[in-house]
């Protein structure tokens, strides 16, 4: 994760594995990053199967037991972030939202969605992820963790 004077950028790696007995085809990986904030209703923050996201990756087929890895970046302009204020500090809690769609040989359409909260890894094991400070100027964060939001 990096923060510049204009935007935040989250670099990601996503590994998909076909755990079914059937090949999957027409795989589409969609995703985006938004800013978590109490002023937004949960349905605007959490990915839903009916909600299309930005197309990021496509794959023609994925055989049973086969895996594919995708990498990319999510960018969010600073103007799109509603910071969480605590005193003089301005915090950013990114939500990485993913939607994967595929077809089975039987013609059945599959859709999986997941939202992850991303933060700095805490110093103490088992502690909560820490939000990113936006008021400290441009910087790069390398000790990142994520937690699936249910």
C-alpha atoms as a PDB file:
ATOM      1  CA  UNK A   1       0.000   0.000   0.000  1.00  0.00           C
ATOM      2  CA  UNK A   2       1.285   3.418  -0.861  1.00  0.00           C
ATOM      3  CA  UNK A   3      -0.152   6.855  -0.324  1.00  0.00           C
ATOM      4  CA  UNK A   4       0.846   9.794  -2.498  1.00  0.00           C
ATOM      5  CA  UNK A   5      -0.417  13.353  -2.605  1.00  0.00           C
ATOM      6  CA  UNK A   6      -3.074  12.250  -5.135  1.00  0.00           C
ATOM      7  CA  UNK A   7      -4.083   8.626  -4.427  1.00  0.00           C
ATOM      8  CA  UNK A   8      -3.635   5.442  -2.475  1.00  0.00           C
ATOM      9  CA  UNK A   9      -2.532   2.293  -4.295  1.00  0.00           C
ATOM     10  CA  UNK A  10      -2.921  -1.262  -3.037  1.00  0.00           C
ATOM     11  CA  UNK A  11      -0.916  -3.916  -4.885  1.00  0.00           C
ATOM     12  CA  UNK A  12      -2.495  -7.360  -4.705  1.00  0.00           C
ATOM     13  CA  UNK A  13      -1.950 -10.987  -5.632  1.00  0.00           C
ATOM     14  CA  UNK A  14      -4.989 -13.240  -5.971  1.00  0.00           C
ATOM     15  CA  UNK A  15      -4.754 -17.021  -6.315  1.00  0.00           C
ATOM     16  CA  UNK A  16      -7.811 -18.914  -7.578  1.00  0.00           C
ATOM     17  CA  UNK A  17      -8.022 -22.703  -7.322  1.00  0.00           C
ATOM     18  CA  UNK A  18     -10.707 -24.878  -8.894  1.00  0.00           C
ATOM     19  CA  UNK A  19     -11.724 -27.232  -6.071  1.00  0.00           C
ATOM     20  CA  UNK A  20     -14.608 -28.699  -8.069  1.00  0.00           C
ATOM     21  CA  UNK A  21     -14.598 -31.842 -10.212  1.00  0.00           C
ATOM     22  CA  UNK A  22     -15.616 -29.852 -13.307  1.00  0.00           C
ATOM     23  CA  UNK A  23     -13.576 -27.457 -15.417  1.00  0.00           C
ATOM     24  CA  UNK A  24     -14.506 -23.804 -15.040  1.00  0.00           C
ATOM     25  CA  UNK A  25     -14.690 -21.512 -18.037  1.00  0.00           C
ATOM     26  CA  UNK A  26     -15.184 -17.838 -18.799  1.00  0.00           C
ATOM     27  CA  UNK A  27     -13.684 -16.737 -15.493  1.00  0.00           C
ATOM     28  CA  UNK A  28     -13.949 -13.022 -14.799  1.00  0.00           C
ATOM     29  CA  UNK A  29     -12.287 -11.397 -11.794  1.00  0.00           C
ATOM     30  CA  UNK A  30     -13.767  -8.034 -10.852  1.00  0.00           C
ATOM     31  CA  UNK A  31     -12.657  -5.809  -8.010  1.00  0.00           C
ATOM     32  CA  UNK A  32     -12.170  -2.403  -6.510  1.00  0.00           C
ATOM     33  CA  UNK A  33     -11.105  -0.626  -3.348  1.00  0.00           C
ATOM     34  CA  UNK A  34     -13.250   1.755  -1.335  1.00  0.00           C
ATOM     35  CA  UNK A  35     -12.909   3.582   1.939  1.00  0.00           C
ATOM     36  CA  UNK A  36     -14.744   2.156   4.948  1.00  0.00           C
ATOM     37  CA  UNK A  37     -16.676   4.737   6.912  1.00  0.00           C
ATOM     38  CA  UNK A  38     -19.586   4.736   9.369  1.00  0.00           C
ATOM     39  CA  UNK A  39     -21.437   7.261   7.186  1.00  0.00           C
ATOM     40  CA  UNK A  40     -21.910   4.607   4.472  1.00  0.00           C
ATOM     41  CA  UNK A  41     -24.514   1.843   4.833  1.00  0.00           C
ATOM     42  CA  UNK A  42     -23.060  -1.707   4.878  1.00  0.00           C
ATOM     43  CA  UNK A  43     -24.598  -2.567   1.493  1.00  0.00           C
ATOM     44  CA  UNK A  44     -22.503   0.229  -0.065  1.00  0.00           C
ATOM     45  CA  UNK A  45     -19.304  -1.153   1.497  1.00  0.00           C
ATOM     46  CA  UNK A  46     -19.579  -4.952   1.260  1.00  0.00           C
ATOM     47  CA  UNK A  47     -19.387  -6.698  -2.135  1.00  0.00           C
ATOM     48  CA  UNK A  48     -22.597  -8.397  -3.288  1.00  0.00           C
ATOM     49  CA  UNK A  49     -23.004 -11.053  -5.973  1.00  0.00           C
ATOM     50  CA  UNK A  50     -25.517  -8.868  -7.818  1.00  0.00           C
ATOM     51  CA  UNK A  51     -23.153  -5.871  -7.888  1.00  0.00           C
ATOM     52  CA  UNK A  52     -20.731  -5.654 -10.801  1.00  0.00           C
ATOM     53  CA  UNK A  53     -17.253  -4.308 -10.055  1.00  0.00           C
ATOM     54  CA  UNK A  54     -14.472  -3.208 -12.381  1.00  0.00           C
ATOM     55  CA  UNK A  55     -13.216  -6.056 -14.610  1.00  0.00           C
ATOM     56  CA  UNK A  56      -9.616  -6.838 -13.641  1.00  0.00           C
ATOM     57  CA  UNK A  57      -8.708 -10.250 -15.094  1.00  0.00           C
ATOM     58  CA  UNK A  58     -10.151 -12.891 -17.416  1.00  0.00           C
ATOM     59  CA  UNK A  59      -9.277 -16.546 -17.877  1.00  0.00           C
ATOM     60  CA  UNK A  60     -10.648 -18.903 -20.524  1.00  0.00           C
ATOM     61  CA  UNK A  61     -10.574 -22.109 -18.482  1.00  0.00           C
ATOM     62  CA  UNK A  62      -9.429 -23.539 -15.148  1.00  0.00           C
ATOM     63  CA  UNK A  63      -9.217 -27.338 -14.907  1.00  0.00           C
ATOM     64  CA  UNK A  64     -10.153 -29.279 -11.731  1.00  0.00           C
ATOM     65  CA  UNK A  65      -7.338 -28.889  -9.182  1.00  0.00           C
ATOM     66  CA  UNK A  66      -5.650 -26.182 -11.254  1.00  0.00           C
ATOM     67  CA  UNK A  67      -4.723 -22.760  -9.833  1.00  0.00           C
ATOM     68  CA  UNK A  68      -4.168 -19.381 -11.462  1.00  0.00           C
ATOM     69  CA  UNK A  69      -2.523 -16.333  -9.937  1.00  0.00           C
ATOM     70  CA  UNK A  70      -3.359 -12.724 -10.786  1.00  0.00           C
ATOM     71  CA  UNK A  71      -1.629  -9.511  -9.726  1.00  0.00           C
ATOM     72  CA  UNK A  72      -2.677  -5.912 -10.036  1.00  0.00           C
ATOM     73  CA  UNK A  73      -3.263  -2.609  -8.288  1.00  0.00           C
ATOM     74  CA  UNK A  74      -6.324  -0.933  -6.846  1.00  0.00           C
ATOM     75  CA  UNK A  75      -6.103   2.875  -6.897  1.00  0.00           C
ATOM     76  CA  UNK A  76      -8.304   5.207  -4.941  1.00  0.00           C
ATOM     77  CA  UNK A  77      -7.962   8.988  -5.317  1.00  0.00           C
ATOM     78  CA  UNK A  78      -7.565  10.817  -2.013  1.00  0.00           C
ATOM     79  CA  UNK A  79     -10.666  12.835  -2.929  1.00  0.00           C
ATOM     80  CA  UNK A  80     -12.707   9.580  -2.831  1.00  0.00           C
ATOM     81  CA  UNK A  81     -11.639   8.792   0.734  1.00  0.00           C
ATOM     82  CA  UNK A  82     -13.751   9.902   3.681  1.00  0.00           C
ATOM     83  CA  UNK A  83     -11.163   9.826   6.466  1.00  0.00           C
ATOM     84  CA  UNK A  84     -11.940   8.650   9.963  1.00  0.00           C
ATOM     85  CA  UNK A  85     -10.928  11.483  12.290  1.00  0.00           C
ATOM     86  CA  UNK A  86      -9.449  11.000  15.740  1.00  0.00           C
ATOM     87  CA  UNK A  87      -8.151  14.263  17.118  1.00  0.00           C
ATOM     88  CA  UNK A  88      -5.697  15.650  14.563  1.00  0.00           C
ATOM     89  CA  UNK A  89      -5.185  12.260  12.893  1.00  0.00           C
ATOM     90  CA  UNK A  90      -6.923  11.209   9.654  1.00  0.00           C
ATOM     91  CA  UNK A  91      -7.230   7.457   9.165  1.00  0.00           C
ATOM     92  CA  UNK A  92      -8.043   5.386   6.093  1.00  0.00           C
ATOM     93  CA  UNK A  93      -9.530   1.882   6.314  1.00  0.00           C
ATOM     94  CA  UNK A  94      -9.436   0.331   2.832  1.00  0.00           C
ATOM     95  CA  UNK A  95     -11.913  -2.328   1.773  1.00  0.00           C
ATOM     96  CA  UNK A  96     -10.757  -4.503  -1.138  1.00  0.00           C
ATOM     97  CA  UNK A  97     -13.822  -5.969  -2.834  1.00  0.00           C
ATOM     98  CA  UNK A  98     -13.613  -8.953  -5.177  1.00  0.00           C
ATOM     99  CA  UNK A  99     -16.184 -10.713  -7.356  1.00  0.00           C
ATOM    100  CA  UNK A 100     -15.316 -13.871  -9.331  1.00  0.00           C
ATOM    101  CA  UNK A 101     -17.706 -15.259 -11.922  1.00  0.00           C
ATOM    102  CA  UNK A 102     -17.283 -18.540 -13.834  1.00  0.00           C
ATOM    103  CA  UNK A 103     -19.290 -21.112 -15.758  1.00  0.00           C
ATOM    104  CA  UNK A 104     -19.305 -24.864 -15.166  1.00  0.00           C
ATOM    105  CA  UNK A 105     -19.504 -27.384 -18.026  1.00  0.00           C
ATOM    106  CA  UNK A 106     -23.147 -28.008 -17.056  1.00  0.00           C
ATOM    107  CA  UNK A 107     -23.888 -24.357 -17.852  1.00  0.00           C
ATOM    108  CA  UNK A 108     -24.296 -23.408 -14.187  1.00  0.00           C
ATOM    109  CA  UNK A 109     -23.076 -19.889 -13.468  1.00  0.00           C
ATOM    110  CA  UNK A 110     -21.010 -19.470 -10.288  1.00  0.00           C
ATOM    111  CA  UNK A 111     -20.383 -16.182  -8.493  1.00  0.00           C
ATOM    112  CA  UNK A 112     -18.188 -15.746  -5.420  1.00  0.00           C
ATOM    113  CA  UNK A 113     -17.758 -12.403  -3.654  1.00  0.00           C
ATOM    114  CA  UNK A 114     -15.570 -11.350  -0.773  1.00  0.00           C
ATOM    115  CA  UNK A 115     -14.638  -8.082   0.886  1.00  0.00           C
ATOM    116  CA  UNK A 116     -11.381  -7.729   2.810  1.00  0.00           C
ATOM    117  CA  UNK A 117     -10.420  -5.033   5.270  1.00  0.00           C
ATOM    118  CA  UNK A 118      -6.750  -4.158   4.765  1.00  0.00           C
ATOM    119  CA  UNK A 119      -4.481  -2.665   7.389  1.00  0.00           C
ATOM    120  CA  UNK A 120      -1.020  -2.529   8.849  1.00  0.00           C
ATOM    121  CA  UNK A 121       0.017  -5.593  10.780  1.00  0.00           C
ATOM    122  CA  UNK A 122       0.060  -4.917  14.527  1.00  0.00           C
ATOM    123  CA  UNK A 123       3.197  -5.205  16.620  1.00  0.00           C
ATOM    124  CA  UNK A 124       1.531  -7.632  19.044  1.00  0.00           C
ATOM    125  CA  UNK A 125       0.425 -11.009  17.657  1.00  0.00           C
ATOM    126  CA  UNK A 126      -3.355 -11.388  17.560  1.00  0.00           C
ATOM    127  CA  UNK A 127      -4.034  -7.652  17.798  1.00  0.00           C
ATOM    128  CA  UNK A 128      -6.305  -5.888  15.300  1.00  0.00           C
ATOM    129  CA  UNK A 129      -5.056  -4.528  11.992  1.00  0.00           C
ATOM    130  CA  UNK A 130      -4.164  -0.851  12.182  1.00  0.00           C
ATOM    131  CA  UNK A 131      -5.703   1.740   9.825  1.00  0.00           C
ATOM    132  CA  UNK A 132      -3.466   3.838   7.587  1.00  0.00           C
ATOM    133  CA  UNK A 133      -2.704   7.441   8.564  1.00  0.00           C
ATOM    134  CA  UNK A 134      -3.321   9.882   5.733  1.00  0.00           C
ATOM    135  CA  UNK A 135      -2.191  12.984   7.594  1.00  0.00           C
ATOM    136  CA  UNK A 136       1.484  11.970   7.696  1.00  0.00           C
ATOM    137  CA  UNK A 137       2.153  12.651   4.014  1.00  0.00           C
ATOM    138  CA  UNK A 138       3.250  10.311   1.224  1.00  0.00           C
ATOM    139  CA  UNK A 139       4.574   6.943   2.324  1.00  0.00           C
ATOM    140  CA  UNK A 140       4.722   3.241   1.543  1.00  0.00           C
ATOM    141  CA  UNK A 141       3.429   0.558   3.891  1.00  0.00           C
ATOM    142  CA  UNK A 142       4.923  -2.912   3.562  1.00  0.00           C
ATOM    143  CA  UNK A 143       3.680  -4.803   6.647  1.00  0.00           C
ATOM    144  CA  UNK A 144       0.112  -5.447   5.478  1.00  0.00           C
ATOM    145  CA  UNK A 145      -2.563  -7.866   6.509  1.00  0.00           C
ATOM    146  CA  UNK A 146      -6.137  -8.512   5.510  1.00  0.00           C
ATOM    147  CA  UNK A 147      -9.237  -9.894   7.158  1.00  0.00           C
ATOM    148  CA  UNK A 148     -12.303 -11.185   5.372  1.00  0.00           C
ATOM    149  CA  UNK A 149     -15.479  -9.260   6.181  1.00  0.00           C
ATOM    150  CA  UNK A 150     -18.586 -11.379   6.569  1.00  0.00           C
END
